[in-house]
């Protein structure tokens, strides 16, 4: 399986293959999930002090906080899925000269 990485803001990158859900941080059940993860040491805060807008749930039980909208994270994930290895090679060639 090829590793797919996704930018979740401010230079933070996660393995997209390990994500189960990308949700908004506004609901009470998600807020409880965040608190439980904080207490158990399974919380990764990638907001850099900004407001939490998206909560990413990983298959390992980790909860990852992001300051970008869930839709933006999903769009980035979908954009990565549409990329092909040929596209990556073309980009690398263009960057080299």
C-alpha atoms as a PDB file:
ATOM      1  CA  UNK A   1       0.000   0.000   0.000  1.00  0.00           C
ATOM      2  CA  UNK A   2       1.309   3.422  -0.931  1.00  0.00           C
ATOM      3  CA  UNK A   3       1.476   6.016   1.838  1.00  0.00           C
ATOM      4  CA  UNK A   4      -0.706   9.050   1.150  1.00  0.00           C
ATOM      5  CA  UNK A   5       0.113  12.160   3.131  1.00  0.00           C
ATOM      6  CA  UNK A   6      -2.263  15.070   3.579  1.00  0.00           C
ATOM      7  CA  UNK A   7      -1.510  18.584   4.779  1.00  0.00           C
ATOM      8  CA  UNK A   8      -3.771  19.543   7.691  1.00  0.00           C
ATOM      9  CA  UNK A   9      -2.457  23.075   8.026  1.00  0.00           C
ATOM     10  CA  UNK A  10       0.586  24.977   9.261  1.00  0.00           C
ATOM     11  CA  UNK A  11       3.010  22.396   7.906  1.00  0.00           C
ATOM     12  CA  UNK A  12       1.412  19.473   9.722  1.00  0.00           C
ATOM     13  CA  UNK A  13       0.968  16.330   7.665  1.00  0.00           C
ATOM     14  CA  UNK A  14      -0.816  13.073   8.497  1.00  0.00           C
ATOM     15  CA  UNK A  15      -1.038   9.671   6.875  1.00  0.00           C
ATOM     16  CA  UNK A  16      -4.350   9.744   4.999  1.00  0.00           C
ATOM     17  CA  UNK A  17      -4.523   5.934   4.930  1.00  0.00           C
ATOM     18  CA  UNK A  18      -4.969   5.893   8.717  1.00  0.00           C
ATOM     19  CA  UNK A  19      -7.908   8.319   8.873  1.00  0.00           C
ATOM     20  CA  UNK A  20     -11.349   7.005   9.770  1.00  0.00           C
ATOM     21  CA  UNK A  21     -13.271  10.281   9.968  1.00  0.00           C
ATOM     22  CA  UNK A  22     -12.958  14.021   9.456  1.00  0.00           C
ATOM     23  CA  UNK A  23     -15.575  15.863  11.502  1.00  0.00           C
ATOM     24  CA  UNK A  24     -16.457  19.325  12.750  1.00  0.00           C
ATOM     25  CA  UNK A  25     -15.503  20.166  16.316  1.00  0.00           C
ATOM     26  CA  UNK A  26     -18.814  21.771  17.279  1.00  0.00           C
ATOM     27  CA  UNK A  27     -20.898  18.869  18.608  1.00  0.00           C
ATOM     28  CA  UNK A  28     -20.931  17.748  22.229  1.00  0.00           C
ATOM     29  CA  UNK A  29     -19.979  14.114  21.442  1.00  0.00           C
ATOM     30  CA  UNK A  30     -16.907  15.273  19.519  1.00  0.00           C
ATOM     31  CA  UNK A  31     -15.930  17.613  22.360  1.00  0.00           C
ATOM     32  CA  UNK A  32     -16.172  14.634  24.751  1.00  0.00           C
ATOM     33  CA  UNK A  33     -14.047  12.548  22.380  1.00  0.00           C
ATOM     34  CA  UNK A  34     -11.406  15.304  22.346  1.00  0.00           C
ATOM     35  CA  UNK A  35     -11.389  15.473  26.162  1.00  0.00           C
ATOM     36  CA  UNK A  36     -11.102  11.683  26.467  1.00  0.00           C
ATOM     37  CA  UNK A  37      -8.191  11.674  24.014  1.00  0.00           C
ATOM     38  CA  UNK A  38      -6.486  14.493  25.947  1.00  0.00           C
ATOM     39  CA  UNK A  39      -6.796  12.574  29.225  1.00  0.00           C
ATOM     40  CA  UNK A  40      -5.458   9.343  27.708  1.00  0.00           C
ATOM     41  CA  UNK A  41      -2.561  10.987  25.864  1.00  0.00           C
ATOM     42  CA  UNK A  42      -3.990  10.234  22.427  1.00  0.00           C
ATOM     43  CA  UNK A  43      -4.589  13.854  21.355  1.00  0.00           C
ATOM     44  CA  UNK A  44      -2.466  15.567  18.711  1.00  0.00           C
ATOM     45  CA  UNK A  45      -3.095  19.325  18.627  1.00  0.00           C
ATOM     46  CA  UNK A  46      -2.011  20.707  15.235  1.00  0.00           C
ATOM     47  CA  UNK A  47      -3.927  23.978  15.536  1.00  0.00           C
ATOM     48  CA  UNK A  48      -0.916  26.091  16.589  1.00  0.00           C
ATOM     49  CA  UNK A  49      -3.110  28.003  19.043  1.00  0.00           C
ATOM     50  CA  UNK A  50      -5.891  28.736  16.586  1.00  0.00           C
ATOM     51  CA  UNK A  51      -9.522  27.680  16.789  1.00  0.00           C
ATOM     52  CA  UNK A  52     -10.159  23.985  16.193  1.00  0.00           C
ATOM     53  CA  UNK A  53     -12.291  23.549  13.099  1.00  0.00           C
ATOM     54  CA  UNK A  54     -11.682  19.936  12.088  1.00  0.00           C
ATOM     55  CA  UNK A  55     -11.173  16.816  14.162  1.00  0.00           C
ATOM     56  CA  UNK A  56      -9.506  13.858  12.485  1.00  0.00           C
ATOM     57  CA  UNK A  57     -10.009  10.407  13.955  1.00  0.00           C
ATOM     58  CA  UNK A  58      -7.301   7.845  13.192  1.00  0.00           C
ATOM     59  CA  UNK A  59      -7.617   4.068  13.219  1.00  0.00           C
ATOM     60  CA  UNK A  60      -5.055   3.969  16.048  1.00  0.00           C
ATOM     61  CA  UNK A  61      -7.448   5.877  18.325  1.00  0.00           C
ATOM     62  CA  UNK A  62      -5.531   9.139  18.021  1.00  0.00           C
ATOM     63  CA  UNK A  63      -7.568  12.320  17.743  1.00  0.00           C
ATOM     64  CA  UNK A  64      -5.949  15.062  15.655  1.00  0.00           C
ATOM     65  CA  UNK A  65      -7.078  18.687  15.858  1.00  0.00           C
ATOM     66  CA  UNK A  66      -6.732  20.978  12.844  1.00  0.00           C
ATOM     67  CA  UNK A  67      -7.433  24.674  12.358  1.00  0.00           C
ATOM     68  CA  UNK A  68      -8.721  24.233   8.809  1.00  0.00           C
ATOM     69  CA  UNK A  69     -12.290  23.380   7.814  1.00  0.00           C
ATOM     70  CA  UNK A  70     -13.280  19.687   7.469  1.00  0.00           C
ATOM     71  CA  UNK A  71     -14.316  20.355   3.860  1.00  0.00           C
ATOM     72  CA  UNK A  72     -10.850  21.690   3.073  1.00  0.00           C
ATOM     73  CA  UNK A  73      -9.206  18.595   4.559  1.00  0.00           C
ATOM     74  CA  UNK A  74     -11.579  16.369   2.566  1.00  0.00           C
ATOM     75  CA  UNK A  75     -10.864  18.295  -0.639  1.00  0.00           C
ATOM     76  CA  UNK A  76      -7.129  17.890  -0.083  1.00  0.00           C
ATOM     77  CA  UNK A  77      -7.649  14.181   0.514  1.00  0.00           C
ATOM     78  CA  UNK A  78      -9.691  13.835  -2.684  1.00  0.00           C
ATOM     79  CA  UNK A  79      -7.126  15.827  -4.660  1.00  0.00           C
ATOM     80  CA  UNK A  80      -4.404  13.429  -3.512  1.00  0.00           C
ATOM     81  CA  UNK A  81      -6.505  10.449  -4.609  1.00  0.00           C
ATOM     82  CA  UNK A  82      -6.906  11.945  -8.086  1.00  0.00           C
ATOM     83  CA  UNK A  83      -3.153  12.407  -8.509  1.00  0.00           C
ATOM     84  CA  UNK A  84      -1.418   9.676 -10.427  1.00  0.00           C
ATOM     85  CA  UNK A  85       2.266   8.747 -10.350  1.00  0.00           C
ATOM     86  CA  UNK A  86       2.573  10.224 -13.854  1.00  0.00           C
ATOM     87  CA  UNK A  87       1.310  13.560 -12.516  1.00  0.00           C
ATOM     88  CA  UNK A  88       3.951  13.478  -9.772  1.00  0.00           C
ATOM     89  CA  UNK A  89       6.714  12.817 -12.302  1.00  0.00           C
ATOM     90  CA  UNK A  90       5.532  15.709 -14.478  1.00  0.00           C
ATOM     91  CA  UNK A  91       5.544  18.051 -11.483  1.00  0.00           C
ATOM     92  CA  UNK A  92       9.050  16.964 -10.476  1.00  0.00           C
ATOM     93  CA  UNK A  93      10.336  17.478 -14.010  1.00  0.00           C
ATOM     94  CA  UNK A  94       8.777  20.946 -14.173  1.00  0.00           C
ATOM     95  CA  UNK A  95      10.332  21.913 -10.842  1.00  0.00           C
ATOM     96  CA  UNK A  96      13.781  20.753 -11.944  1.00  0.00           C
ATOM     97  CA  UNK A  97      13.857  22.940 -14.967  1.00  0.00           C
END
